[in-house]
C-alpha cells in the first residue's frame, strides 16, 4: 500500500475513534418540557402560560406541555415547580402569591426556591369609585378616609388578597392607617365592581382592565393607578406618584421560573427565548387584547424584583395584622 494512502486511512480511522469517544453535547432541550401553572385552566395565568408554551415549542423544536396543578391557594402548583429536578425540563409561571403564602402561614415556600427566568407581566392596582361619587381625586378620598376611619367600605378580593394589600400599602404611604377602611371580602374584582356600581361599597381596589366594562359604561370612575407610569390603554388615569407624590407601586404579576439550581447556560437559553417571545408582535397583541400590562425583567432583575416585593408584602401584612 502506498504511504500516502495508508496515512489517509489512518487519519480516517482516528477521526472515527475520537468521534465515538467524545460525541458533541446535544443542545438543550432534547425532550419535551413541562410548564406548570399553579392556577385553574381558563384563567388569565393559564392563558398567558399557554400562549408562551405554544411559541416556546416552536423555538425549541420540542413539545411544551402545560399542566395545571391547583390547590392550597396556589401552594400545590408553586411547590411542584420548586421541587422538580433543576434540569430545565420542568418550569412554571409563578405569581404574586409566592410572596404572600408563607406570610399567611400556608407554606414555608418562598421566592428563593426558584431560578428566576423572566418577568413577563404586571397589572398594577387602581382605585375606583362610583361615577356619582363626591370624590374626584385620590387626595380628596384619602383625606376623607383619614378624617373618618372605619366609615368607608372597600373591596376587590378576599381578605388579605393582592388588591387588599395594594390599598393598605397606598393608605400607609399617604400617612393613613392601613386598616382605616372596612374591607368587604369578595370572590374577585368582577363581584366587587358590581357591588361598587350598585352602591354596596364606597371604593374598589383592582386593576384597570377589570374595571373596563363599568368604566366604559360610565358607571365608575378610576382615580389613580399604582404604577410607575400611566398605562397606554388608560392614559386618563394618573399614577399615584403624579397625584400624591407617593412612590408606592403594587399590583399582581406573572413570571417564568424554574427550580433553584438551574444551570446557567440553560437559564440563559430560556431568557433569550422568553425575550424573543416578549418582543414579538403576536405576544403584544395577545396581551393588549386581554388588557394585560407587559413588563419585562431578565433573570437577575426578576430575582431582585421578587426580593423587594416579598419584603413589602411582609411589612404590609404585619401592619394589617394578617401575618402568621
Foldseek 3Di string as FASTA:
>chain_A
DDPVVVVVVVVVVVVVVVCVVDPDDDDPDPEEAEEEEADDPPDPQNVLVVVLQVLVCVVRVYHYHYDHQYDLPSPRRVVVQLPDPLALRYKYKDKPCLLVCVQLVSDPGHPLQWQFQKWWFWFWKFKKAWLPDPDPAPVVVLVVLQVQFAPFEEEFAAVLDQQLLLQLVLSVLVPHQSRRYHYDHDHGRLVRLVCRLVPNGGMYIAGPLSCVVCVVVSTMDIHETQDPADDPVCNVHHHCCVRPVGNGIGGMTIGMIGGPPRDPVSSVVSNVSVVVCSPDPVNVVVCVVSVTGTDIDGRVRVSVVRVVSSVSSSVSCVSVVSGD
